[in-house]
Amino acid sequence: MVDGFPYEVPEEYNNMPLLKGRATVDMKVKIKDNPNVEDCVFRIVLDGYNAPVTSGNFLDLVERKFYDGMEVQRADGFVVQTGDPEGPAEGFIDPSTGKSRTIPLEIMVDGDKAPIYGETLEELGLYKAQTKLPFNAFGTMAMAREEFDDNSASSQIFWLLKESELTPSNSNILDGRYAVFGYVTENEDYLADLKVGDVIESIQVVSGLDNLVNPSYKIVG
């Protein structure tokens, strides 16, 4: 799958962890307030074909066990969000540099051969463009970022808790503004049961780790 990757990532991002293909992870969460489900495993498929930088960054953090033991930090009925580490930093601090690692906004437009980086579709005037990875399903997974900085995403991730009928693809406030890079494919309905303070016990790679290139976790350990 890596050998057949269909395009080149821009040079300025080419040394980052990149997922050149697909991968699957299982996220085990301790759910406190559902008497019927105490531990739930969410299966998530990551799409590195359409979001190699975003998916690669996440998978690299998974292998670092960055999310293990982290609490759910937002659960408002619209999204579930986590990934903000303890301390003043709002993202992942690379121990090899002591600096925050951020990634660019990455949007693949339907019909394009490679993603657009660093700008929203609105900023580009592409108001009618269709994204290849839309917010069209309960459990759509995307990167959070600062509102006015397209390239500020680091480690904070969120899942959409709305059905596609309520947020039609490419006609909502999220598509083209945030980088989608995966979807929850098993137990996604239980995302709605998650509350602030529920704990991610672990995220483990099920398949596709061999599609990760430039893995920084191997360098630092």
C-alpha atoms as a PDB file:
ATOM      1  CA  MET A   1       0.000   0.000   0.000  1.00  0.00           C
ATOM      2  CA  VAL A   2       2.841   2.402   0.797  1.00  0.00           C
ATOM      3  CA  ASP A   3       4.582   1.728  -2.520  1.00  0.00           C
ATOM      4  CA  GLY A   4       1.397   2.548  -4.378  1.00  0.00           C
ATOM      5  CA  PHE A   5       0.655   5.842  -2.642  1.00  0.00           C
ATOM      6  CA  PRO A   6      -0.864   8.063  -5.338  1.00  0.00           C
ATOM      7  CA  TYR A   7       0.790  11.452  -4.688  1.00  0.00           C
ATOM      8  CA  GLU A   8       3.664  13.271  -2.987  1.00  0.00           C
ATOM      9  CA  VAL A   9       3.077  15.147   0.260  1.00  0.00           C
ATOM     10  CA  PRO A  10       4.489  18.716   0.030  1.00  0.00           C
ATOM     11  CA  GLU A  11       8.153  18.924   0.925  1.00  0.00           C
ATOM     12  CA  GLU A  12       7.603  21.035   4.051  1.00  0.00           C
ATOM     13  CA  TYR A  13       5.476  18.234   5.554  1.00  0.00           C
ATOM     14  CA  ASN A  14       7.220  15.229   4.035  1.00  0.00           C
ATOM     15  CA  ASN A  15       9.383  14.513   7.078  1.00  0.00           C
ATOM     16  CA  MET A  16       6.428  14.381   9.465  1.00  0.00           C
ATOM     17  CA  PRO A  17       4.852  11.051  10.471  1.00  0.00           C
ATOM     18  CA  LEU A  18       2.695  10.115   7.473  1.00  0.00           C
ATOM     19  CA  LEU A  19       0.119   7.375   7.126  1.00  0.00           C
ATOM     20  CA  LYS A  20       0.380   6.255   3.520  1.00  0.00           C
ATOM     21  CA  GLY A  21      -2.650   4.027   3.414  1.00  0.00           C
ATOM     22  CA  ARG A  22      -5.252   3.003   5.966  1.00  0.00           C
ATOM     23  CA  ALA A  23      -4.982   1.841   9.537  1.00  0.00           C
ATOM     24  CA  THR A  24      -7.371   0.579  12.193  1.00  0.00           C
ATOM     25  CA  VAL A  25      -7.204   1.247  15.930  1.00  0.00           C
ATOM     26  CA  ASP A  26      -9.276   0.152  18.919  1.00  0.00           C
ATOM     27  CA  MET A  27      -9.987   2.762  21.588  1.00  0.00           C
ATOM     28  CA  LYS A  28     -11.049   1.356  24.956  1.00  0.00           C
ATOM     29  CA  VAL A  29     -12.954   3.806  27.135  1.00  0.00           C
ATOM     30  CA  LYS A  30     -14.159   3.450  30.715  1.00  0.00           C
ATOM     31  CA  ILE A  31     -17.769   4.701  30.687  1.00  0.00           C
ATOM     32  CA  LYS A  32     -18.967   5.714  34.133  1.00  0.00           C
ATOM     33  CA  ASP A  33     -22.611   6.633  33.736  1.00  0.00           C
ATOM     34  CA  ASN A  34     -24.023   3.844  31.575  1.00  0.00           C
ATOM     35  CA  PRO A  35     -25.097   0.877  33.745  1.00  0.00           C
ATOM     36  CA  ASN A  36     -25.271  -1.347  30.684  1.00  0.00           C
ATOM     37  CA  VAL A  37     -21.757  -0.653  29.395  1.00  0.00           C
ATOM     38  CA  GLU A  38     -18.753  -0.139  31.640  1.00  0.00           C
ATOM     39  CA  ASP A  39     -15.917  -0.623  29.176  1.00  0.00           C
ATOM     40  CA  CYS A  40     -16.495   0.093  25.504  1.00  0.00           C
ATOM     41  CA  VAL A  41     -14.138  -0.497  22.598  1.00  0.00           C
ATOM     42  CA  PHE A  42     -14.547   1.848  19.661  1.00  0.00           C
ATOM     43  CA  ARG A  43     -13.042   0.647  16.397  1.00  0.00           C
ATOM     44  CA  ILE A  44     -11.718   3.513  14.285  1.00  0.00           C
ATOM     45  CA  VAL A  45     -10.562   3.400  10.661  1.00  0.00           C
ATOM     46  CA  LEU A  46      -7.990   6.037   9.716  1.00  0.00           C
ATOM     47  CA  ASP A  47      -7.833   7.199   6.093  1.00  0.00           C
ATOM     48  CA  GLY A  48      -4.267   8.086   5.239  1.00  0.00           C
ATOM     49  CA  TYR A  49      -5.000   8.142   1.527  1.00  0.00           C
ATOM     50  CA  ASN A  50      -6.967  11.351   1.950  1.00  0.00           C
ATOM     51  CA  ALA A  51      -5.303  12.693   5.125  1.00  0.00           C
ATOM     52  CA  PRO A  52      -1.768  11.277   5.421  1.00  0.00           C
ATOM     53  CA  VAL A  53      -0.328  14.046   7.623  1.00  0.00           C
ATOM     54  CA  THR A  54      -3.285  14.164  10.001  1.00  0.00           C
ATOM     55  CA  SER A  55      -3.617  10.393  10.264  1.00  0.00           C
ATOM     56  CA  GLY A  56       0.130   9.921  10.591  1.00  0.00           C
ATOM     57  CA  ASN A  57       0.358  12.452  13.408  1.00  0.00           C
ATOM     58  CA  PHE A  58      -2.440  10.701  15.299  1.00  0.00           C
ATOM     59  CA  LEU A  59      -1.060   7.192  14.797  1.00  0.00           C
ATOM     60  CA  ASP A  60       2.374   8.356  15.925  1.00  0.00           C
ATOM     61  CA  LEU A  61       0.802   9.734  19.118  1.00  0.00           C
ATOM     62  CA  VAL A  62      -1.102   6.475  19.610  1.00  0.00           C
ATOM     63  CA  GLU A  63       2.170   4.538  19.493  1.00  0.00           C
ATOM     64  CA  ARG A  64       3.613   6.945  22.051  1.00  0.00           C
ATOM     65  CA  LYS A  65       0.647   6.041  24.335  1.00  0.00           C
ATOM     66  CA  PHE A  66      -0.127   9.759  24.409  1.00  0.00           C
ATOM     67  CA  TYR A  67      -3.878   9.233  24.795  1.00  0.00           C
ATOM     68  CA  ASP A  68      -3.735   6.313  27.246  1.00  0.00           C
ATOM     69  CA  GLY A  69      -5.174   7.396  30.593  1.00  0.00           C
ATOM     70  CA  MET A  70      -6.458  10.702  29.205  1.00  0.00           C
ATOM     71  CA  GLU A  71      -9.943  11.890  30.112  1.00  0.00           C
ATOM     72  CA  VAL A  72     -12.744  12.981  27.816  1.00  0.00           C
ATOM     73  CA  GLN A  73     -12.573  16.775  28.022  1.00  0.00           C
ATOM     74  CA  ARG A  74     -15.683  17.853  26.140  1.00  0.00           C
ATOM     75  CA  ALA A  75     -19.029  16.124  25.674  1.00  0.00           C
ATOM     76  CA  ASP A  76     -21.777  18.590  24.795  1.00  0.00           C
ATOM     77  CA  GLY A  77     -24.126  16.558  22.628  1.00  0.00           C
ATOM     78  CA  PHE A  78     -22.537  17.896  19.448  1.00  0.00           C
ATOM     79  CA  VAL A  79     -19.000  16.525  19.763  1.00  0.00           C
ATOM     80  CA  VAL A  80     -16.832  14.456  22.096  1.00  0.00           C
ATOM     81  CA  GLN A  81     -13.294  15.795  22.413  1.00  0.00           C
ATOM     82  CA  THR A  82     -10.002  14.866  24.056  1.00  0.00           C
ATOM     83  CA  GLY A  83      -6.260  15.252  23.506  1.00  0.00           C
ATOM     84  CA  ASP A  84      -5.392  18.288  25.653  1.00  0.00           C
ATOM     85  CA  PRO A  85      -2.512  17.157  27.898  1.00  0.00           C
ATOM     86  CA  GLU A  86      -2.043  18.243  31.488  1.00  0.00           C
ATOM     87  CA  GLY A  87      -0.140  21.479  31.967  1.00  0.00           C
ATOM     88  CA  PRO A  88      -0.079  24.757  30.053  1.00  0.00           C
ATOM     89  CA  ALA A  89       0.496  23.202  26.629  1.00  0.00           C
ATOM     90  CA  GLU A  90      -2.609  22.605  24.527  1.00  0.00           C
ATOM     91  CA  GLY A  91      -0.975  20.016  22.308  1.00  0.00           C
ATOM     92  CA  PHE A  92       1.799  17.467  22.027  1.00  0.00           C
ATOM     93  CA  ILE A  93       5.256  18.610  23.115  1.00  0.00           C
ATOM     94  CA  ASP A  94       7.910  16.635  21.257  1.00  0.00           C
ATOM     95  CA  PRO A  95      10.419  15.540  23.923  1.00  0.00           C
ATOM     96  CA  SER A  96      13.213  15.482  21.349  1.00  0.00           C
ATOM     97  CA  THR A  97      12.819  19.215  20.659  1.00  0.00           C
ATOM     98  CA  GLY A  98      10.898  20.514  23.672  1.00  0.00           C
ATOM     99  CA  LYS A  99       8.564  22.268  21.252  1.00  0.00           C
ATOM    100  CA  SER A 100       4.918  21.813  20.342  1.00  0.00           C
ATOM    101  CA  ARG A 101       4.309  19.705  17.252  1.00  0.00           C
ATOM    102  CA  THR A 102       1.607  21.146  15.051  1.00  0.00           C
ATOM    103  CA  ILE A 103       0.289  19.979  11.719  1.00  0.00           C
ATOM    104  CA  PRO A 104      -1.306  21.853   8.817  1.00  0.00           C
ATOM    105  CA  LEU A 105      -4.972  21.848   7.968  1.00  0.00           C
ATOM    106  CA  GLU A 106      -5.379  19.063   5.414  1.00  0.00           C
ATOM    107  CA  ILE A 107      -8.468  18.862   3.185  1.00  0.00           C
ATOM    108  CA  MET A 108      -8.926  16.522   0.231  1.00  0.00           C
ATOM    109  CA  VAL A 109     -11.413  17.834  -2.329  1.00  0.00           C
ATOM    110  CA  ASP A 110     -13.387  15.371  -4.405  1.00  0.00           C
ATOM    111  CA  GLY A 111     -11.811  15.224  -7.854  1.00  0.00           C
ATOM    112  CA  ASP A 112      -8.388  16.520  -6.740  1.00  0.00           C
ATOM    113  CA  LYS A 113      -5.345  14.268  -6.808  1.00  0.00           C
ATOM    114  CA  ALA A 114      -3.828  15.548  -3.544  1.00  0.00           C
ATOM    115  CA  PRO A 115      -5.018  17.378  -0.426  1.00  0.00           C
ATOM    116  CA  ILE A 116      -5.054  21.136   0.033  1.00  0.00           C
ATOM    117  CA  TYR A 117      -2.861  22.311   2.908  1.00  0.00           C
ATOM    118  CA  GLY A 118      -2.953  25.326   5.168  1.00  0.00           C
ATOM    119  CA  GLU A 119      -6.200  26.976   4.069  1.00  0.00           C
ATOM    120  CA  THR A 120      -9.908  26.365   4.521  1.00  0.00           C
ATOM    121  CA  LEU A 121     -12.085  25.883   1.466  1.00  0.00           C
ATOM    122  CA  GLU A 122     -13.912  29.064   2.418  1.00  0.00           C
ATOM    123  CA  GLU A 123     -10.660  31.032   2.391  1.00  0.00           C
ATOM    124  CA  LEU A 124      -9.933  29.639  -1.056  1.00  0.00           C
ATOM    125  CA  GLY A 125     -13.380  30.576  -2.329  1.00  0.00           C
ATOM    126  CA  LEU A 126     -14.252  26.925  -2.957  1.00  0.00           C
ATOM    127  CA  TYR A 127     -17.760  27.225  -1.567  1.00  0.00           C
ATOM    128  CA  LYS A 128     -19.227  24.410  -3.654  1.00  0.00           C
ATOM    129  CA  ALA A 129     -16.309  22.002  -3.383  1.00  0.00           C
ATOM    130  CA  GLN A 130     -17.086  18.535  -2.029  1.00  0.00           C
ATOM    131  CA  THR A 131     -14.699  17.066   0.519  1.00  0.00           C
ATOM    132  CA  LYS A 132     -13.602  13.442   0.150  1.00  0.00           C
ATOM    133  CA  LEU A 133     -13.900  12.946   3.927  1.00  0.00           C
ATOM    134  CA  PRO A 134     -17.037  14.839   4.978  1.00  0.00           C
ATOM    135  CA  PHE A 135     -18.714  15.213   8.347  1.00  0.00           C
ATOM    136  CA  ASN A 136     -21.509  12.929   7.218  1.00  0.00           C
ATOM    137  CA  ALA A 137     -21.688  10.219   9.860  1.00  0.00           C
ATOM    138  CA  PHE A 138     -22.130   9.765  13.588  1.00  0.00           C
ATOM    139  CA  GLY A 139     -18.572   9.207  14.770  1.00  0.00           C
ATOM    140  CA  THR A 140     -16.754  11.250  12.139  1.00  0.00           C
ATOM    141  CA  MET A 141     -13.279  11.900  13.582  1.00  0.00           C
ATOM    142  CA  ALA A 142     -11.385  15.150  13.060  1.00  0.00           C
ATOM    143  CA  MET A 143      -8.640  17.389  14.426  1.00  0.00           C
ATOM    144  CA  ALA A 144      -9.449  20.334  16.649  1.00  0.00           C
ATOM    145  CA  ARG A 145      -7.499  23.563  16.158  1.00  0.00           C
ATOM    146  CA  GLU A 146      -7.489  27.215  17.128  1.00  0.00           C
ATOM    147  CA  GLU A 147     -10.307  29.063  15.381  1.00  0.00           C
ATOM    148  CA  PHE A 148      -8.121  31.627  13.642  1.00  0.00           C
ATOM    149  CA  ASP A 149      -5.044  29.504  12.974  1.00  0.00           C
ATOM    150  CA  ASP A 150      -5.509  26.904  10.261  1.00  0.00           C
ATOM    151  CA  ASN A 151      -2.217  25.187  11.069  1.00  0.00           C
ATOM    152  CA  SER A 152      -2.504  24.911  14.853  1.00  0.00           C
ATOM    153  CA  ALA A 153      -3.779  21.321  15.191  1.00  0.00           C
ATOM    154  CA  SER A 154      -1.586  19.115  17.356  1.00  0.00           C
ATOM    155  CA  SER A 155      -3.156  16.376  19.465  1.00  0.00           C
ATOM    156  CA  GLN A 156      -6.733  17.395  20.234  1.00  0.00           C
ATOM    157  CA  ILE A 157      -9.287  15.265  18.416  1.00  0.00           C
ATOM    158  CA  PHE A 158     -13.075  15.190  18.302  1.00  0.00           C
ATOM    159  CA  TRP A 159     -15.922  12.997  17.117  1.00  0.00           C
ATOM    160  CA  LEU A 160     -19.164  14.304  15.646  1.00  0.00           C
ATOM    161  CA  LEU A 161     -22.355  13.235  17.450  1.00  0.00           C
ATOM    162  CA  LYS A 162     -24.875  14.252  14.827  1.00  0.00           C
ATOM    163  CA  GLU A 163     -26.546  12.275  12.084  1.00  0.00           C
ATOM    164  CA  SER A 164     -25.883  13.199   8.466  1.00  0.00           C
ATOM    165  CA  GLU A 165     -29.455  14.440   8.032  1.00  0.00           C
ATOM    166  CA  LEU A 166     -28.749  17.171  10.588  1.00  0.00           C
ATOM    167  CA  THR A 167     -25.356  18.071   9.173  1.00  0.00           C
ATOM    168  CA  PRO A 168     -25.563  17.469   5.402  1.00  0.00           C
ATOM    169  CA  SER A 169     -22.230  16.860   3.735  1.00  0.00           C
ATOM    170  CA  ASN A 170     -20.544  20.019   2.482  1.00  0.00           C
ATOM    171  CA  SER A 171     -23.343  22.289   3.680  1.00  0.00           C
ATOM    172  CA  ASN A 172     -22.471  22.533   7.364  1.00  0.00           C
ATOM    173  CA  ILE A 173     -20.081  24.629   9.449  1.00  0.00           C
ATOM    174  CA  LEU A 174     -17.433  21.919   9.725  1.00  0.00           C
ATOM    175  CA  ASP A 175     -16.685  20.596   6.227  1.00  0.00           C
ATOM    176  CA  GLY A 176     -13.724  22.305   4.638  1.00  0.00           C
ATOM    177  CA  ARG A 177     -12.736  23.955   7.935  1.00  0.00           C
ATOM    178  CA  TYR A 178     -11.516  20.982   9.972  1.00  0.00           C
ATOM    179  CA  ALA A 179      -9.492  17.984   8.869  1.00  0.00           C
ATOM    180  CA  VAL A 180     -11.428  14.718   8.965  1.00  0.00           C
ATOM    181  CA  PHE A 181      -9.152  11.686   9.043  1.00  0.00           C
ATOM    182  CA  GLY A 182     -11.260   8.747  10.172  1.00  0.00           C
ATOM    183  CA  TYR A 183     -14.558   7.274  11.245  1.00  0.00           C
ATOM    184  CA  VAL A 184     -15.708   5.146  14.168  1.00  0.00           C
ATOM    185  CA  THR A 185     -16.997   1.944  12.571  1.00  0.00           C
ATOM    186  CA  GLU A 186     -17.960  -0.131  15.627  1.00  0.00           C
ATOM    187  CA  ASN A 187     -19.879   0.929  18.764  1.00  0.00           C
ATOM    188  CA  GLU A 188     -20.164   4.516  17.495  1.00  0.00           C
ATOM    189  CA  ASP A 189     -23.602   4.867  19.132  1.00  0.00           C
ATOM    190  CA  TYR A 190     -21.942   4.653  22.556  1.00  0.00           C
ATOM    191  CA  LEU A 191     -20.036   7.873  21.852  1.00  0.00           C
ATOM    192  CA  ALA A 192     -23.191   9.673  22.959  1.00  0.00           C
ATOM    193  CA  ASP A 193     -22.834   8.069  26.417  1.00  0.00           C
ATOM    194  CA  LEU A 194     -19.388   9.522  27.009  1.00  0.00           C
ATOM    195  CA  LYS A 195     -19.125  12.227  29.651  1.00  0.00           C
ATOM    196  CA  VAL A 196     -16.383  14.624  30.691  1.00  0.00           C
ATOM    197  CA  GLY A 197     -14.067  12.662  32.963  1.00  0.00           C
ATOM    198  CA  ASP A 198     -14.549   9.275  31.295  1.00  0.00           C
ATOM    199  CA  VAL A 199     -11.111   7.759  30.757  1.00  0.00           C
ATOM    200  CA  ILE A 200      -9.496   6.456  27.583  1.00  0.00           C
ATOM    201  CA  GLU A 201      -7.826   3.352  28.955  1.00  0.00           C
ATOM    202  CA  SER A 202      -5.907   2.598  25.781  1.00  0.00           C
ATOM    203  CA  ILE A 203      -5.729   3.039  22.032  1.00  0.00           C
ATOM    204  CA  GLN A 204      -4.114   0.138  20.233  1.00  0.00           C
ATOM    205  CA  VAL A 205      -3.283  -0.358  16.574  1.00  0.00           C
ATOM    206  CA  VAL A 206      -5.096  -3.313  15.043  1.00  0.00           C
ATOM    207  CA  SER A 207      -3.722  -3.042  11.505  1.00  0.00           C
ATOM    208  CA  GLY A 208      -1.910  -0.688   9.176  1.00  0.00           C
ATOM    209  CA  LEU A 209       1.029   0.325  11.347  1.00  0.00           C
ATOM    210  CA  ASP A 210       3.326  -0.695   8.501  1.00  0.00           C
ATOM    211  CA  ASN A 211       1.794   2.150   6.468  1.00  0.00           C
ATOM    212  CA  LEU A 212       3.217   4.719   8.905  1.00  0.00           C
ATOM    213  CA  VAL A 213       6.388   6.345   7.581  1.00  0.00           C
ATOM    214  CA  ASN A 214       8.728   8.700   9.485  1.00  0.00           C
ATOM    215  CA  PRO A 215       7.479   7.448  12.870  1.00  0.00           C
ATOM    216  CA  SER A 216       8.950   9.811  15.443  1.00  0.00           C
ATOM    217  CA  TYR A 217       8.089   7.485  18.343  1.00  0.00           C
ATOM    218  CA  LYS A 218      10.823   5.111  17.162  1.00  0.00           C
ATOM    219  CA  ILE A 219      13.400   7.866  17.341  1.00  0.00           C
ATOM    220  CA  VAL A 220      12.572   9.026  20.879  1.00  0.00           C
ATOM    221  CA  GLY A 221      11.156   5.831  22.297  1.00  0.00           C
END
